[in-house]
Each structure stands twice: as C-alpha cells, then as structure tokens.
C-alpha cells in the first residue's frame, strides 16, 4: 500500500510540475503583418514564421539569412513599433542575396531563400 501511495504522490507532483511550467511563446506576429503589408506575396501568408525560420516555421533555431538580416536591422528583440519594423524591412532590401538583393526577389514576388 505504501508503494501505491508513494507512486500516486510522485505522479501528482510530476503532473503539477509539468502543468505549472511556463510555456515559452516567442511568436512575433507583428513581423509577419509588416512583411505581408509591404510585400503582397501569397506564399508568405501560408508560410507565416517559415519566411524566416526553418521547417516551415517550426524550428525557431534555424533562421534564414533574411531573418538574420532583419534581426540585425531591428537592433532589438521583439520590436513592437510598426514603423521601426517597416524601416528595417526597407533597410535590408539592398542586402545581397544570390545574384541580386533581397529587394529584387521581393519585388518579383519571390521569397528570399528559406532556412534549412
């Protein structure tokens, strides 16, 4: 009987720890909103976070060159100011991407190379 009680207590503690653990949510929908407002690319609306992150947006650690350039241009994490985001998007248009620039691709309705 003691083993059963100890097992039940252990289960209760484990359940409490797992459900009380803070959930990490790093979503930054303001970036996607600014991107889709500036560049009307249907694929971006489908990919969402996958525009900058690997595995269609599921792998937040894999960041495309475009995502890295945007992060650098923003200068801080989780920028909320829409004007600052729009300015950063414009700023990185001139950065090299393959034979052209990010801006060349985006103006042609194509996304920059995705993260691997």
N, C-alpha and C. Protein backbone atom coordinates (compact mmCIF):
# COMPACT_ATOMS: atom_id res chain seq x y z
N UNK A 1 0.82 -1.20 0.00
CA UNK A 1 0.00 0.00 0.00
C UNK A 1 0.87 1.27 0.00
N UNK A 2 2.00 1.21 0.71
CA UNK A 2 2.88 2.37 0.76
C UNK A 2 3.43 2.70 -0.62
N UNK A 3 3.76 1.66 -1.38
CA UNK A 3 4.30 1.89 -2.73
C UNK A 3 3.27 2.59 -3.60
N UNK A 4 2.02 2.18 -3.47
CA UNK A 4 0.95 2.78 -4.25
C UNK A 4 0.76 4.24 -3.87
N UNK A 5 0.80 4.55 -2.59
CA UNK A 5 0.67 5.93 -2.12
C UNK A 5 1.84 6.77 -2.59
N UNK A 6 3.04 6.21 -2.49
CA UNK A 6 4.23 6.94 -2.94
C UNK A 6 4.18 7.18 -4.44
N UNK A 7 3.74 6.20 -5.19
CA UNK A 7 3.62 6.33 -6.64
C UNK A 7 2.58 7.39 -7.00
N UNK A 8 1.46 7.39 -6.29
CA UNK A 8 0.41 8.39 -6.54
C UNK A 8 0.92 9.79 -6.21
N UNK A 9 1.67 9.93 -5.13
CA UNK A 9 2.22 11.24 -4.76
C UNK A 9 3.23 11.70 -5.81
N UNK A 10 4.08 10.80 -6.27
CA UNK A 10 5.06 11.13 -7.30
C UNK A 10 4.37 11.57 -8.58
N UNK A 11 3.33 10.85 -8.94
CA UNK A 11 2.56 11.19 -10.14
C UNK A 11 1.92 12.58 -10.00
N UNK A 12 1.38 12.86 -8.82
CA UNK A 12 0.74 14.15 -8.58
C UNK A 12 1.77 15.29 -8.67
N UNK A 13 2.94 15.10 -8.11
CA UNK A 13 3.98 16.12 -8.15
C UNK A 13 4.45 16.32 -9.59
N UNK A 14 4.67 15.23 -10.32
CA UNK A 14 5.11 15.32 -11.71
C UNK A 14 4.07 16.06 -12.56
N UNK A 15 2.82 15.75 -12.35
CA UNK A 15 1.74 16.42 -13.08
C UNK A 15 1.72 17.91 -12.77
N UNK A 16 1.87 18.25 -11.51
CA UNK A 16 1.88 19.65 -11.10
C UNK A 16 3.06 20.39 -11.73
N UNK A 17 4.23 19.79 -11.72
CA UNK A 17 5.41 20.43 -12.29
C UNK A 17 5.25 20.65 -13.79
N UNK A 18 4.75 19.64 -14.48
CA UNK A 18 4.61 19.75 -15.93
C UNK A 18 3.54 20.74 -16.36
N UNK A 19 2.47 20.82 -15.61
CA UNK A 19 1.39 21.75 -15.98
C UNK A 19 1.66 23.17 -15.51
N UNK A 20 2.47 23.33 -14.47
CA UNK A 20 2.75 24.66 -13.96
C UNK A 20 3.96 25.30 -14.64
N UNK A 21 4.72 24.53 -15.39
CA UNK A 21 5.91 25.07 -16.06
C UNK A 21 5.48 26.14 -17.05
N UNK A 22 6.20 27.25 -17.08
CA UNK A 22 5.83 28.32 -18.02
C UNK A 22 6.00 27.85 -19.47
N UNK A 23 5.05 28.21 -20.27
CA UNK A 23 5.10 27.87 -21.69
C UNK A 23 5.81 29.00 -22.42
N UNK A 24 6.78 28.65 -23.23
CA UNK A 24 7.51 29.67 -23.97
C UNK A 24 6.77 29.99 -25.25
N UNK A 25 6.45 31.24 -25.43
CA UNK A 25 5.78 31.68 -26.64
C UNK A 25 6.52 32.89 -27.18
N UNK A 26 7.25 32.69 -28.23
CA UNK A 26 8.05 33.76 -28.80
C UNK A 26 7.46 34.29 -30.10
N UNK A 27 6.19 34.06 -30.31
CA UNK A 27 5.58 34.49 -31.57
C UNK A 27 5.70 36.00 -31.72
N UNK A 28 5.99 36.39 -32.94
CA UNK A 28 6.12 37.81 -33.24
C UNK A 28 5.27 38.12 -34.47
N UNK A 29 3.96 38.10 -34.30
CA UNK A 29 3.07 38.30 -35.44
C UNK A 29 3.22 39.67 -36.08
N UNK A 30 3.75 40.64 -35.34
CA UNK A 30 3.91 41.98 -35.90
C UNK A 30 4.90 41.97 -37.06
N UNK A 31 5.87 41.04 -37.04
CA UNK A 31 6.84 40.96 -38.14
C UNK A 31 6.15 40.45 -39.41
N UNK A 32 5.37 39.39 -39.27
CA UNK A 32 4.66 38.85 -40.42
C UNK A 32 3.66 39.88 -40.97
N UNK A 33 2.97 40.56 -40.08
CA UNK A 33 1.99 41.56 -40.51
C UNK A 33 2.68 42.65 -41.33
N UNK A 34 3.80 43.15 -40.84
CA UNK A 34 4.53 44.21 -41.56
C UNK A 34 5.04 43.68 -42.89
N UNK A 35 5.54 42.46 -42.89
CA UNK A 35 6.07 41.86 -44.11
C UNK A 35 4.98 41.72 -45.16
N UNK A 36 3.83 41.15 -44.77
CA UNK A 36 2.76 40.92 -45.74
C UNK A 36 2.09 42.22 -46.20
N UNK A 37 2.14 43.26 -45.37
CA UNK A 37 1.62 44.56 -45.81
C UNK A 37 2.55 45.21 -46.84
N UNK A 38 3.84 45.03 -46.64
CA UNK A 38 4.82 45.65 -47.55
C UNK A 38 4.96 44.85 -48.84
N UNK A 39 4.97 43.53 -48.73
CA UNK A 39 5.16 42.65 -49.88
C UNK A 39 3.95 41.73 -49.99
N UNK A 40 3.17 41.91 -51.02
CA UNK A 40 1.97 41.10 -51.20
C UNK A 40 2.35 39.77 -51.86
N UNK A 41 2.88 38.87 -51.06
CA UNK A 41 3.32 37.56 -51.55
C UNK A 41 2.47 36.50 -50.85
N UNK A 42 1.62 35.83 -51.61
CA UNK A 42 0.68 34.86 -51.04
C UNK A 42 1.40 33.75 -50.27
N UNK A 43 2.53 33.32 -50.78
CA UNK A 43 3.27 32.23 -50.13
C UNK A 43 3.69 32.61 -48.70
N UNK A 44 3.97 33.88 -48.47
CA UNK A 44 4.36 34.34 -47.14
C UNK A 44 3.21 34.19 -46.16
N UNK A 45 2.00 34.42 -46.63
CA UNK A 45 0.82 34.29 -45.77
C UNK A 45 0.61 32.84 -45.37
N UNK A 46 0.99 31.92 -46.23
CA UNK A 46 0.88 30.49 -45.92
C UNK A 46 2.03 30.03 -45.03
N UNK A 47 3.23 30.48 -45.32
CA UNK A 47 4.41 30.06 -44.56
C UNK A 47 4.47 30.66 -43.16
N UNK A 48 3.95 31.84 -43.01
CA UNK A 48 3.98 32.58 -41.75
C UNK A 48 5.40 32.66 -41.21
N UNK A 49 5.68 32.06 -40.06
CA UNK A 49 7.02 32.12 -39.45
C UNK A 49 8.08 31.47 -40.32
N UNK A 50 7.65 30.62 -41.25
CA UNK A 50 8.57 29.93 -42.14
C UNK A 50 9.29 30.85 -43.11
N UNK A 51 8.86 32.10 -43.22
CA UNK A 51 9.57 33.05 -44.07
C UNK A 51 10.99 33.23 -43.54
N UNK A 52 11.14 33.23 -42.23
CA UNK A 52 12.46 33.42 -41.62
C UNK A 52 12.99 32.18 -40.90
N UNK A 53 12.10 31.30 -40.46
CA UNK A 53 12.51 30.15 -39.64
C UNK A 53 12.38 28.83 -40.40
N UNK A 54 13.22 27.88 -40.03
CA UNK A 54 13.27 26.59 -40.69
C UNK A 54 12.08 25.69 -40.42
N UNK A 55 12.00 24.65 -41.24
CA UNK A 55 10.94 23.64 -41.15
C UNK A 55 9.56 24.28 -41.15
N UNK A 56 9.39 25.24 -42.03
CA UNK A 56 8.09 25.90 -42.15
C UNK A 56 7.72 26.73 -40.94
N UNK A 57 8.72 27.16 -40.19
CA UNK A 57 8.46 27.99 -39.01
C UNK A 57 8.47 27.22 -37.71
N UNK A 58 8.61 25.90 -37.79
CA UNK A 58 8.58 25.07 -36.57
C UNK A 58 9.92 25.06 -35.85
N UNK A 59 11.00 25.27 -36.57
CA UNK A 59 12.33 25.26 -35.97
C UNK A 59 12.80 26.70 -35.80
N UNK A 60 12.58 27.25 -34.63
CA UNK A 60 12.91 28.66 -34.37
C UNK A 60 14.42 28.90 -34.29
N UNK A 61 15.19 27.83 -34.11
CA UNK A 61 16.65 28.00 -34.04
C UNK A 61 17.28 28.14 -35.42
N UNK A 62 16.61 27.60 -36.43
CA UNK A 62 17.11 27.72 -37.81
C UNK A 62 16.54 29.01 -38.40
N UNK A 63 17.42 29.95 -38.67
CA UNK A 63 16.99 31.26 -39.18
C UNK A 63 17.65 31.50 -40.54
N UNK A 64 16.85 31.93 -41.49
CA UNK A 64 17.36 32.22 -42.83
C UNK A 64 18.25 33.46 -42.81
N UNK A 65 19.00 33.65 -43.89
CA UNK A 65 19.83 34.85 -44.00
C UNK A 65 18.96 36.11 -43.94
N UNK A 66 17.76 36.03 -44.52
CA UNK A 66 16.84 37.17 -44.48
C UNK A 66 16.44 37.46 -43.03
N UNK A 67 16.11 36.42 -42.28
CA UNK A 67 15.73 36.59 -40.88
C UNK A 67 16.86 37.17 -40.05
N UNK A 68 18.09 36.73 -40.33
CA UNK A 68 19.25 37.26 -39.61
C UNK A 68 19.46 38.74 -39.94
N UNK A 69 19.29 39.08 -41.20
CA UNK A 69 19.44 40.47 -41.61
C UNK A 69 18.37 41.35 -40.96
N UNK A 70 17.16 40.83 -40.89
CA UNK A 70 16.07 41.58 -40.26
C UNK A 70 16.36 41.78 -38.78
N UNK A 71 16.80 40.74 -38.11
CA UNK A 71 17.11 40.85 -36.67
C UNK A 71 18.19 41.91 -36.44
N UNK A 72 19.19 41.90 -37.30
CA UNK A 72 20.28 42.88 -37.17
C UNK A 72 19.77 44.30 -37.42
N UNK A 73 18.93 44.46 -38.43
CA UNK A 73 18.39 45.78 -38.77
C UNK A 73 17.46 46.30 -37.68
N UNK A 74 16.74 45.40 -37.04
CA UNK A 74 15.83 45.83 -35.97
C UNK A 74 16.62 46.32 -34.75
N UNK A 75 17.72 45.65 -34.47
CA UNK A 75 18.57 46.07 -33.36
C UNK A 75 18.14 45.63 -31.99
N UNK A 76 16.92 45.16 -31.84
CA UNK A 76 16.49 44.65 -30.54
C UNK A 76 15.49 43.52 -30.75
N UNK A 77 15.37 42.68 -29.74
CA UNK A 77 14.45 41.56 -29.82
C UNK A 77 13.01 42.03 -29.63
N UNK A 78 12.13 41.41 -30.35
CA UNK A 78 10.69 41.62 -30.21
C UNK A 78 10.27 43.09 -30.34
N UNK A 79 10.74 43.70 -31.39
CA UNK A 79 10.35 45.09 -31.69
C UNK A 79 8.84 45.13 -31.92
N UNK A 80 8.17 46.07 -31.30
CA UNK A 80 6.71 46.18 -31.44
C UNK A 80 6.29 47.36 -32.31
N UNK A 81 7.18 48.33 -32.46
CA UNK A 81 6.85 49.53 -33.22
C UNK A 81 6.76 49.22 -34.72
N UNK A 82 5.57 49.36 -35.28
CA UNK A 82 5.32 49.03 -36.68
C UNK A 82 6.20 49.85 -37.63
N UNK A 83 6.44 51.11 -37.28
CA UNK A 83 7.29 51.95 -38.14
C UNK A 83 8.74 51.47 -38.14
N UNK A 84 9.23 51.06 -36.98
CA UNK A 84 10.60 50.55 -36.88
C UNK A 84 10.75 49.24 -37.67
N UNK A 85 9.72 48.41 -37.63
CA UNK A 85 9.75 47.15 -38.38
C UNK A 85 9.75 47.44 -39.87
N UNK A 86 8.86 48.33 -40.31
CA UNK A 86 8.79 48.69 -41.73
C UNK A 86 10.11 49.29 -42.20
N UNK A 87 10.72 50.11 -41.37
CA UNK A 87 12.01 50.72 -41.72
C UNK A 87 13.09 49.64 -41.87
N UNK A 88 13.09 48.67 -40.96
CA UNK A 88 14.08 47.58 -41.02
C UNK A 88 13.87 46.73 -42.27
N UNK A 89 12.60 46.48 -42.62
CA UNK A 89 12.32 45.71 -43.84
C UNK A 89 12.86 46.43 -45.07
N UNK A 90 12.66 47.74 -45.12
CA UNK A 90 13.18 48.53 -46.24
C UNK A 90 14.69 48.56 -46.27
N UNK A 91 15.28 48.65 -45.10
CA UNK A 91 16.73 48.74 -44.98
C UNK A 91 17.44 47.50 -45.53
N UNK A 92 16.87 46.33 -45.32
CA UNK A 92 17.55 45.10 -45.75
C UNK A 92 17.28 44.73 -47.20
N UNK A 93 16.44 45.48 -47.87
CA UNK A 93 16.18 45.21 -49.30
C UNK A 93 17.45 45.28 -50.13
N UNK A 94 18.39 46.11 -49.72
CA UNK A 94 19.62 46.30 -50.51
C UNK A 94 20.69 45.25 -50.22
N UNK A 95 20.45 44.38 -49.25
CA UNK A 95 21.46 43.38 -48.91
C UNK A 95 21.51 42.27 -49.97
N UNK A 96 22.71 41.78 -50.21
CA UNK A 96 22.96 40.75 -51.22
C UNK A 96 22.22 39.46 -50.92
N UNK A 97 21.72 38.87 -51.99
CA UNK A 97 21.05 37.58 -51.93
C UNK A 97 21.25 36.91 -53.29
N UNK A 98 22.12 35.91 -53.33
CA UNK A 98 22.41 35.27 -54.60
C UNK A 98 23.03 36.26 -55.57
N UNK A 99 22.46 36.34 -56.78
CA UNK A 99 22.97 37.25 -57.80
C UNK A 99 22.41 38.66 -57.68
N UNK A 100 21.45 38.85 -56.78
CA UNK A 100 20.83 40.16 -56.64
C UNK A 100 20.75 40.57 -55.19
N UNK A 101 19.60 41.11 -54.83
CA UNK A 101 19.37 41.56 -53.45
C UNK A 101 18.05 40.99 -52.96
N UNK A 102 17.83 41.11 -51.66
CA UNK A 102 16.53 40.69 -51.11
C UNK A 102 15.41 41.48 -51.78
N UNK A 103 15.64 42.76 -51.98
CA UNK A 103 14.62 43.62 -52.59
C UNK A 103 14.25 43.18 -54.00
N UNK A 104 15.27 42.74 -54.78
CA UNK A 104 14.99 42.26 -56.14
C UNK A 104 14.03 41.07 -56.10
N UNK A 105 14.31 40.13 -55.21
CA UNK A 105 13.45 38.95 -55.10
C UNK A 105 12.04 39.34 -54.67
N UNK A 106 11.96 40.14 -53.63
CA UNK A 106 10.65 40.50 -53.09
C UNK A 106 9.82 41.29 -54.09
N UNK A 107 10.45 42.18 -54.84
CA UNK A 107 9.71 42.97 -55.84
C UNK A 107 9.24 42.10 -57.00
N UNK A 108 9.93 40.95 -57.21
CA UNK A 108 9.50 39.99 -58.22
C UNK A 108 8.45 39.01 -57.68
N UNK A 109 8.04 39.22 -56.43
CA UNK A 109 7.03 38.36 -55.82
C UNK A 109 7.58 37.02 -55.32
N UNK A 110 8.88 36.96 -55.10
CA UNK A 110 9.51 35.73 -54.63
C UNK A 110 10.04 35.95 -53.21
N UNK A 111 10.04 34.87 -52.44
CA UNK A 111 10.59 34.95 -51.08
C UNK A 111 12.10 34.72 -51.12
N UNK A 112 12.81 35.30 -50.17
CA UNK A 112 14.25 35.00 -50.06
C UNK A 112 14.42 33.51 -49.73
N UNK A 113 15.62 32.97 -49.96
CA UNK A 113 15.83 31.56 -49.63
C UNK A 113 15.47 31.26 -48.19
N UNK A 114 14.75 30.16 -48.00
CA UNK A 114 14.28 29.78 -46.67
C UNK A 114 15.39 29.14 -45.85
N UNK A 115 15.21 29.14 -44.55
CA UNK A 115 16.17 28.50 -43.65
C UNK A 115 16.14 26.99 -43.87
N UNK A 116 17.27 26.37 -43.70
CA UNK A 116 17.34 24.91 -43.89
C UNK A 116 17.23 24.19 -42.59
